[in-house]
Amino acid sequence: GGNKDHTPPVSTDGVVPYWSSHIEGAQSEII
């Protein structure tokens, strides 16, 4: 739940951080 207090979210899946997986223009994004 590292996404509650941050915009953009600050989190990682343990290998790839959020900032790397995020892509502008996505029709949807789900964590």
Full PDB file with SEQRES, HELIX, SHEET, SSBOND, CRYST1, ORIGX, SCALE, CONECT and MASTER records, all heavy atoms in Angstrom:
SEQRES   1 A   31  GLY GLY ASN LYS ASP HIS THR PRO PRO VAL SER THR ASP          
SEQRES   2 A   31  GLY VAL VAL PRO TYR TRP SER SER HIS ILE GLU GLY ALA          
SEQRES   3 A   31  GLN SER GLU ILE ILE                                          
HELIX    1 AA1 TYR A   18  SER A   21  1                                   4    
CRYST1    1.000    1.000    1.000  90.00  90.00  90.00 P 1           1          
ORIGX1      1.000000  0.000000  0.000000        0.00000                         
ORIGX2      0.000000  1.000000  0.000000        0.00000                         
ORIGX3      0.000000  0.000000  1.000000        0.00000                         
SCALE1      1.000000  0.000000  0.000000        0.00000                         
SCALE2      0.000000  1.000000  0.000000        0.00000                         
SCALE3      0.000000  0.000000  1.000000        0.00000                         
ATOM      1  N   GLY A   1       0.793  -1.221   0.000  1.00  0.00           N  
ATOM      2  CA  GLY A   1       0.000   0.000   0.000  1.00  0.00           C  
ATOM      3  C   GLY A   1       0.821   1.265   0.000  1.00  0.00           C  
ATOM      4  O   GLY A   1       0.445   2.264   0.618  1.00  0.00           O  
ATOM      5  N   GLY A   2       1.942   1.263  -0.714  1.00  0.00           N  
ATOM      6  CA  GLY A   2       2.783   2.444  -0.758  1.00  0.00           C  
ATOM      7  C   GLY A   2       2.259   3.512  -1.681  1.00  0.00           C  
ATOM      8  O   GLY A   2       2.990   4.408  -2.087  1.00  0.00           O  
ATOM      9  N   ASN A   3       0.967   3.426  -2.030  1.00  0.00           N  
ATOM     10  CA  ASN A   3       0.414   4.347  -3.022  1.00  0.00           C  
ATOM     11  C   ASN A   3      -0.589   5.316  -2.413  1.00  0.00           C  
ATOM     12  O   ASN A   3      -1.154   6.143  -3.097  1.00  0.00           O  
ATOM     13  CB  ASN A   3      -0.296   3.539  -4.111  1.00  0.00           C  
ATOM     14  CG  ASN A   3       0.553   2.376  -4.582  1.00  0.00           C  
ATOM     15  OD1 ASN A   3       1.591   2.598  -5.173  1.00  0.00           O  
ATOM     16  ND2 ASN A   3       0.147   1.161  -4.274  1.00  0.00           N  
ATOM     17  N   LYS A   4      -0.833   5.182  -1.111  1.00  0.00           N  
ATOM     18  CA  LYS A   4      -1.923   5.943  -0.522  1.00  0.00           C  
ATOM     19  C   LYS A   4      -1.598   7.425  -0.374  1.00  0.00           C  
ATOM     20  O   LYS A   4      -2.463   8.284  -0.553  1.00  0.00           O  
ATOM     21  CB  LYS A   4      -2.280   5.343   0.839  1.00  0.00           C  
ATOM     22  CG  LYS A   4      -2.824   3.922   0.746  1.00  0.00           C  
ATOM     23  CD  LYS A   4      -3.098   3.360   2.128  1.00  0.00           C  
ATOM     24  CE  LYS A   4      -3.631   1.935   2.035  1.00  0.00           C  
ATOM     25  NZ  LYS A   4      -3.868   1.346   3.374  1.00  0.00           N  
ATOM     26  N   ASP A   5      -0.363   7.724  -0.010  1.00  0.00           N  
ATOM     27  CA  ASP A   5      -0.029   9.103   0.342  1.00  0.00           C  
ATOM     28  C   ASP A   5       0.896   9.772  -0.656  1.00  0.00           C  
ATOM     29  O   ASP A   5       1.478  10.817  -0.353  1.00  0.00           O  
ATOM     30  CB  ASP A   5       0.616   9.124   1.735  1.00  0.00           C  
ATOM     31  CG  ASP A   5      -0.279   8.481   2.774  1.00  0.00           C  
ATOM     32  OD1 ASP A   5      -1.501   8.715   2.707  1.00  0.00           O  
ATOM     33  OD2 ASP A   5       0.246   7.750   3.629  1.00  0.00           O  
ATOM     34  N   HIS A   6       1.048   9.186  -1.810  1.00  0.00           N  
ATOM     35  CA  HIS A   6       2.010   9.727  -2.764  1.00  0.00           C  
ATOM     36  C   HIS A   6       1.383   9.848  -4.141  1.00  0.00           C  
ATOM     37  O   HIS A   6       0.645   8.983  -4.585  1.00  0.00           O  
ATOM     38  CB  HIS A   6       3.250   8.825  -2.860  1.00  0.00           C  
ATOM     39  CG  HIS A   6       3.995   8.690  -1.578  1.00  0.00           C  
ATOM     40  ND1 HIS A   6       4.931   9.595  -1.161  1.00  0.00           N  
ATOM     41  CD2 HIS A   6       3.913   7.751  -0.603  1.00  0.00           C  
ATOM     42  CE1 HIS A   6       5.419   9.220   0.015  1.00  0.00           C  
ATOM     43  NE2 HIS A   6       4.822   8.101   0.379  1.00  0.00           N  
ATOM     44  N   THR A   7       1.678  10.926  -4.813  1.00  0.00           N  
ATOM     45  CA  THR A   7       1.306  11.124  -6.205  1.00  0.00           C  
ATOM     46  C   THR A   7       2.528  11.662  -6.941  1.00  0.00           C  
ATOM     47  O   THR A   7       2.955  12.784  -6.686  1.00  0.00           O  
ATOM     48  CB  THR A   7       0.143  12.118  -6.341  1.00  0.00           C  
ATOM     49  OG1 THR A   7      -0.958  11.656  -5.555  1.00  0.00           O  
ATOM     50  CG2 THR A   7      -0.292  12.243  -7.784  1.00  0.00           C  
ATOM     51  N   PRO A   8       3.139  10.883  -7.857  1.00  0.00           N  
ATOM     52  CA  PRO A   8       2.756   9.519  -8.225  1.00  0.00           C  
ATOM     53  C   PRO A   8       3.099   8.526  -7.120  1.00  0.00           C  
ATOM     54  O   PRO A   8       3.849   8.862  -6.208  1.00  0.00           O  
ATOM     55  CB  PRO A   8       3.591   9.259  -9.484  1.00  0.00           C  
ATOM     56  CG  PRO A   8       4.822  10.085  -9.283  1.00  0.00           C  
ATOM     57  CD  PRO A   8       4.330  11.340  -8.614  1.00  0.00           C  
ATOM     58  N   PRO A   9       2.559   7.293  -7.202  1.00  0.00           N  
ATOM     59  CA  PRO A   9       2.826   6.300  -6.164  1.00  0.00           C  
ATOM     60  C   PRO A   9       4.313   5.997  -6.009  1.00  0.00           C  
ATOM     61  O   PRO A   9       5.081   6.071  -6.973  1.00  0.00           O  
ATOM     62  CB  PRO A   9       2.065   5.067  -6.662  1.00  0.00           C  
ATOM     63  CG  PRO A   9       1.006   5.612  -7.549  1.00  0.00           C  
ATOM     64  CD  PRO A   9       1.616   6.801  -8.212  1.00  0.00           C  
ATOM     65  N   VAL A  10       4.710   5.700  -4.793  1.00  0.00           N  
ATOM     66  CA  VAL A  10       6.074   5.274  -4.513  1.00  0.00           C  
ATOM     67  C   VAL A  10       5.988   3.816  -4.053  1.00  0.00           C  
ATOM     68  O   VAL A  10       5.559   3.543  -2.940  1.00  0.00           O  
ATOM     69  CB  VAL A  10       6.732   6.144  -3.420  1.00  0.00           C  
ATOM     70  CG1 VAL A  10       8.137   5.614  -3.109  1.00  0.00           C  
ATOM     71  CG2 VAL A  10       6.789   7.587  -3.858  1.00  0.00           C  
ATOM     72  N   SER A  11       6.334   2.916  -4.926  1.00  0.00           N  
ATOM     73  CA  SER A  11       6.218   1.497  -4.592  1.00  0.00           C  
ATOM     74  C   SER A  11       7.101   0.693  -5.530  1.00  0.00           C  
ATOM     75  O   SER A  11       7.678   1.221  -6.482  1.00  0.00           O  
ATOM     76  CB  SER A  11       4.762   1.028  -4.709  1.00  0.00           C  
ATOM     77  OG  SER A  11       4.296   1.163  -6.040  1.00  0.00           O  
ATOM     78  N   THR A  12       7.196  -0.600  -5.253  1.00  0.00           N  
ATOM     79  CA  THR A  12       7.955  -1.516  -6.091  1.00  0.00           C  
ATOM     80  C   THR A  12       7.336  -2.898  -5.968  1.00  0.00           C  
ATOM     81  O   THR A  12       6.691  -3.220  -4.961  1.00  0.00           O  
ATOM     82  CB  THR A  12       9.437  -1.567  -5.673  1.00  0.00           C  
ATOM     83  OG1 THR A  12      10.126  -2.542  -6.475  1.00  0.00           O  
ATOM     84  CG2 THR A  12       9.581  -1.959  -4.209  1.00  0.00           C  
ATOM     85  N   ASP A  13       7.526  -3.713  -6.979  1.00  0.00           N  
ATOM     86  CA  ASP A  13       7.064  -5.099  -6.892  1.00  0.00           C  
ATOM     87  C   ASP A  13       8.162  -6.016  -6.386  1.00  0.00           C  
ATOM     88  O   ASP A  13       8.035  -7.236  -6.408  1.00  0.00           O  
ATOM     89  CB  ASP A  13       6.525  -5.572  -8.246  1.00  0.00           C  
ATOM     90  CG  ASP A  13       7.581  -5.578  -9.349  1.00  0.00           C  
ATOM     91  OD1 ASP A  13       8.788  -5.570  -9.049  1.00  0.00           O  
ATOM     92  OD2 ASP A  13       7.192  -5.596 -10.533  1.00  0.00           O  
ATOM     93  N   GLY A  14       9.267  -5.421  -5.955  1.00  0.00           N  
ATOM     94  CA  GLY A  14      10.403  -6.191  -5.473  1.00  0.00           C  
ATOM     95  C   GLY A  14      11.512  -6.301  -6.492  1.00  0.00           C  
ATOM     96  O   GLY A  14      12.664  -6.586  -6.145  1.00  0.00           O  
ATOM     97  N   VAL A  15      11.203  -6.054  -7.749  1.00  0.00           N  
ATOM     98  CA  VAL A  15      12.195  -6.077  -8.821  1.00  0.00           C  
ATOM     99  C   VAL A  15      12.133  -4.781  -9.630  1.00  0.00           C  
ATOM    100  O   VAL A  15      13.155  -4.146  -9.893  1.00  0.00           O  
ATOM    101  CB  VAL A  15      11.980  -7.289  -9.765  1.00  0.00           C  
ATOM    102  CG1 VAL A  15      12.953  -7.245 -10.945  1.00  0.00           C  
ATOM    103  CG2 VAL A  15      12.135  -8.595  -8.992  1.00  0.00           C  
ATOM    104  N   VAL A  16      10.916  -4.388 -10.009  1.00  0.00           N  
ATOM    105  CA  VAL A  16      10.718  -3.202 -10.845  1.00  0.00           C  
ATOM    106  C   VAL A  16       9.924  -2.164 -10.056  1.00  0.00           C  
ATOM    107  O   VAL A  16       8.852  -2.470  -9.535  1.00  0.00           O  
ATOM    108  CB  VAL A  16       9.972  -3.568 -12.148  1.00  0.00           C  
ATOM    109  CG1 VAL A  16       9.704  -2.318 -12.989  1.00  0.00           C  
ATOM    110  CG2 VAL A  16      10.779  -4.587 -12.953  1.00  0.00           C  
ATOM    111  N   PRO A  17      10.429  -0.939  -9.951  1.00  0.00           N  
ATOM    112  CA  PRO A  17       9.693   0.106  -9.232  1.00  0.00           C  
ATOM    113  C   PRO A  17       8.530   0.651 -10.055  1.00  0.00           C  
ATOM    114  O   PRO A  17       8.490   0.508 -11.284  1.00  0.00           O  
ATOM    115  CB  PRO A  17      10.753   1.184  -8.990  1.00  0.00           C  
ATOM    116  CG  PRO A  17      11.733   1.003 -10.101  1.00  0.00           C  
ATOM    117  CD  PRO A  17      11.753  -0.470 -10.405  1.00  0.00           C  
ATOM    118  N   TYR A  18       7.604   1.288  -9.356  1.00  0.00           N  
ATOM    119  CA  TYR A  18       6.430   1.849 -10.014  1.00  0.00           C  
ATOM    120  C   TYR A  18       6.819   2.784 -11.148  1.00  0.00           C  
ATOM    121  O   TYR A  18       6.240   2.726 -12.242  1.00  0.00           O  
ATOM    122  CB  TYR A  18       5.558   2.601  -9.001  1.00  0.00           C  
ATOM    123  CG  TYR A  18       4.453   3.404  -9.663  1.00  0.00           C  
ATOM    124  CD1 TYR A  18       3.238   2.814  -9.964  1.00  0.00           C  
ATOM    125  CD2 TYR A  18       4.645   4.744 -10.024  1.00  0.00           C  
ATOM    126  CE1 TYR A  18       2.231   3.527 -10.597  1.00  0.00           C  
ATOM    127  CE2 TYR A  18       3.649   5.468 -10.663  1.00  0.00           C  
ATOM    128  CZ  TYR A  18       2.444   4.852 -10.942  1.00  0.00           C  
ATOM    129  OH  TYR A  18       1.463   5.571 -11.584  1.00  0.00           O  
ATOM    130  N   TRP A  19       7.799   3.659 -10.903  1.00  0.00           N  
ATOM    131  CA  TRP A  19       8.127   4.669 -11.911  1.00  0.00           C  
ATOM    132  C   TRP A  19       8.573   4.034 -13.227  1.00  0.00           C  
ATOM    133  O   TRP A  19       8.416   4.632 -14.294  1.00  0.00           O  
ATOM    134  CB  TRP A  19       9.218   5.629 -11.407  1.00  0.00           C  
ATOM    135  CG  TRP A  19      10.536   4.977 -11.064  1.00  0.00           C  
ATOM    136  CD1 TRP A  19      10.981   4.633  -9.825  1.00  0.00           C  
ATOM    137  CD2 TRP A  19      11.574   4.602 -11.991  1.00  0.00           C  
ATOM    138  NE1 TRP A  19      12.230   4.048  -9.901  1.00  0.00           N  
ATOM    139  CE2 TRP A  19      12.612   4.029 -11.224  1.00  0.00           C  
ATOM    140  CE3 TRP A  19      11.730   4.687 -13.372  1.00  0.00           C  
ATOM    141  CZ2 TRP A  19      13.795   3.549 -11.792  1.00  0.00           C  
ATOM    142  CZ3 TRP A  19      12.907   4.201 -13.946  1.00  0.00           C  
ATOM    143  CH2 TRP A  19      13.917   3.651 -13.167  1.00  0.00           C  
ATOM    144  N   SER A  20       9.123   2.816 -13.159  1.00  0.00           N  
ATOM    145  CA  SER A  20       9.570   2.142 -14.374  1.00  0.00           C  
ATOM    146  C   SER A  20       8.405   1.507 -15.127  1.00  0.00           C  
ATOM    147  O   SER A  20       8.365   1.528 -16.357  1.00  0.00           O  
ATOM    148  CB  SER A  20      10.611   1.073 -14.027  1.00  0.00           C  
ATOM    149  OG  SER A  20      11.018   0.373 -15.184  1.00  0.00           O  
ATOM    150  N   SER A  21       7.440   0.953 -14.389  1.00  0.00           N  
ATOM    151  CA  SER A  21       6.298   0.302 -15.032  1.00  0.00           C  
ATOM    152  C   SER A  21       5.250   1.293 -15.522  1.00  0.00           C  
ATOM    153  O   SER A  21       4.495   0.997 -16.454  1.00  0.00           O  
ATOM    154  CB  SER A  21       5.629  -0.680 -14.058  1.00  0.00           C  
ATOM    155  OG  SER A  21       6.461  -1.789 -13.807  1.00  0.00           O  
ATOM    156  N   HIS A  22       5.186   2.436 -14.895  1.00  0.00           N  
ATOM    157  CA  HIS A  22       4.194   3.444 -15.289  1.00  0.00           C  
ATOM    158  C   HIS A  22       4.500   3.953 -16.692  1.00  0.00           C  
ATOM    159  O   HIS A  22       5.645   4.237 -17.036  1.00  0.00           O  
ATOM    160  CB  HIS A  22       4.216   4.608 -14.302  1.00  0.00           C  
ATOM    161  CG  HIS A  22       3.333   5.742 -14.713  1.00  0.00           C  
ATOM    162  ND1 HIS A  22       1.958   5.699 -14.597  1.00  0.00           N  
ATOM    163  CD2 HIS A  22       3.633   6.957 -15.267  1.00  0.00           C  
ATOM    164  CE1 HIS A  22       1.446   6.841 -15.043  1.00  0.00           C  
ATOM    165  NE2 HIS A  22       2.442   7.614 -15.448  1.00  0.00           N  
ATOM    166  N   ILE A  23       3.466   4.084 -17.517  1.00  0.00           N  
ATOM    167  CA  ILE A  23       3.633   4.625 -18.861  1.00  0.00           C  
ATOM    168  C   ILE A  23       2.517   5.618 -19.130  1.00  0.00           C  
ATOM    169  O   ILE A  23       1.323   5.318 -18.926  1.00  0.00           O  
ATOM    170  CB  ILE A  23       3.651   3.484 -19.927  1.00  0.00           C  
ATOM    171  CG1 ILE A  23       3.780   4.072 -21.341  1.00  0.00           C  
ATOM    172  CG2 ILE A  23       2.449   2.561 -19.807  1.00  0.00           C  
ATOM    173  CD1 ILE A  23       4.015   3.014 -22.423  1.00  0.00           C  
ATOM    174  N   GLU A  24       2.903   6.790 -19.519  1.00  0.00           N  
ATOM    175  CA  GLU A  24       1.924   7.839 -19.798  1.00  0.00           C  
ATOM    176  C   GLU A  24       1.030   7.434 -20.968  1.00  0.00           C  
ATOM    177  O   GLU A  24       1.474   6.792 -21.920  1.00  0.00           O  
ATOM    178  CB  GLU A  24       2.632   9.160 -20.135  1.00  0.00           C  
ATOM    179  CG  GLU A  24       3.348   9.798 -18.955  1.00  0.00           C  
ATOM    180  CD  GLU A  24       2.389  10.251 -17.872  1.00  0.00           C  
ATOM    181  OE1 GLU A  24       1.230  10.604 -18.194  1.00  0.00           O  
ATOM    182  OE2 GLU A  24       2.790  10.250 -16.687  1.00  0.00           O  
ATOM    183  N   GLY A  25      -0.236   7.813 -20.871  1.00  0.00           N  
ATOM    184  CA  GLY A  25      -1.164   7.544 -21.956  1.00  0.00           C  
ATOM    185  C   GLY A  25      -1.877   6.223 -21.857  1.00  0.00           C  
ATOM    186  O   GLY A  25      -2.678   5.880 -22.736  1.00  0.00           O  
ATOM    187  N   ALA A  26      -1.607   5.452 -20.780  1.00  0.00           N  
ATOM    188  CA  ALA A  26      -2.274   4.156 -20.633  1.00  0.00           C  
ATOM    189  C   ALA A  26      -3.776   4.356 -20.478  1.00  0.00           C  
ATOM    190  O   ALA A  26      -4.233   5.240 -19.756  1.00  0.00           O  
ATOM    191  CB  ALA A  26      -1.721   3.405 -19.435  1.00  0.00           C  
ATOM    192  N   GLN A  27      -4.542   3.519 -21.153  1.00  0.00           N  
ATOM    193  CA  GLN A  27      -5.999   3.602 -21.039  1.00  0.00           C  
ATOM    194  C   GLN A  27      -6.458   3.228 -19.641  1.00  0.00           C  
ATOM    195  O   GLN A  27      -7.485   3.716 -19.161  1.00  0.00           O  
ATOM    196  CB  GLN A  27      -6.655   2.692 -22.083  1.00  0.00           C  
ATOM    197  CG  GLN A  27      -8.154   2.898 -22.210  1.00  0.00           C  
ATOM    198  CD  GLN A  27      -8.742   2.094 -23.352  1.00  0.00           C  
ATOM    199  OE1 GLN A  27      -9.224   0.984 -23.158  1.00  0.00           O  
ATOM    200  NE2 GLN A  27      -8.707   2.647 -24.554  1.00  0.00           N  
ATOM    201  N   SER A  28      -5.704   2.375 -18.976  1.00  0.00           N  
ATOM    202  CA  SER A  28      -5.990   2.034 -17.589  1.00  0.00           C  
ATOM    203  C   SER A  28      -4.687   1.643 -16.913  1.00  0.00           C  
ATOM    204  O   SER A  28      -3.754   1.147 -17.554  1.00  0.00           O  
ATOM    205  CB  SER A  28      -7.009   0.901 -17.483  1.00  0.00           C  
ATOM    206  OG  SER A  28      -6.490  -0.306 -18.014  1.00  0.00           O  
ATOM    207  N   GLU A  29      -4.645   1.865 -15.613  1.00  0.00           N  
ATOM    208  CA  GLU A  29      -3.518   1.429 -14.797  1.00  0.00           C  
ATOM    209  C   GLU A  29      -4.083   0.906 -13.482  1.00  0.00           C  
ATOM    210  O   GLU A  29      -4.895   1.571 -12.844  1.00  0.00           O  
ATOM    211  CB  GLU A  29      -2.545   2.570 -14.526  1.00  0.00           C  
ATOM    212  CG  GLU A  29      -1.365   2.159 -13.651  1.00  0.00           C  
ATOM    213  CD  GLU A  29      -0.427   3.317 -13.351  1.00  0.00           C  
ATOM    214  OE1 GLU A  29       0.389   3.663 -14.233  1.00  0.00           O  
ATOM    215  OE2 GLU A  29      -0.517   3.892 -12.233  1.00  0.00           O  
ATOM    216  N   ILE A  30      -3.673  -0.282 -13.083  1.00  0.00           N  
ATOM    217  CA  ILE A  30      -4.152  -0.885 -11.851  1.00  0.00           C  
ATOM    218  C   ILE A  30      -2.955  -1.376 -11.055  1.00  0.00           C  
ATOM    219  O   ILE A  30      -1.990  -1.904 -11.618  1.00  0.00           O  
ATOM    220  CB  ILE A  30      -5.139  -2.042 -12.141  1.00  0.00           C  
ATOM    221  CG1 ILE A  30      -5.692  -2.618 -10.844  1.00  0.00           C  
ATOM    222  CG2 ILE A  30      -4.506  -3.126 -12.968  1.00  0.00           C  
ATOM    223  CD1 ILE A  30      -6.779  -3.662 -11.046  1.00  0.00           C  
ATOM    224  N   ILE A  31      -3.002  -1.156  -9.756  1.00  0.00           N  
ATOM    225  CA  ILE A  31      -1.960  -1.650  -8.861  1.00  0.00           C  
ATOM    226  C   ILE A  31      -2.536  -2.805  -8.064  1.00  0.00           C  
ATOM    227  O   ILE A  31      -3.592  -2.681  -7.436  1.00  0.00           O  
ATOM    228  CB  ILE A  31      -1.454  -0.533  -7.936  1.00  0.00           C  
ATOM    229  CG1 ILE A  31      -0.797   0.565  -8.781  1.00  0.00           C  
ATOM    230  CG2 ILE A  31      -0.470  -1.084  -6.913  1.00  0.00           C  
ATOM    231  CD1 ILE A  31      -0.336   1.764  -8.004  1.00  0.00           C  
TER     232      ILE A  31                                                      
MASTER        0    0    0    1    0    0    0    6  231    1    0    3          
END                                                                             
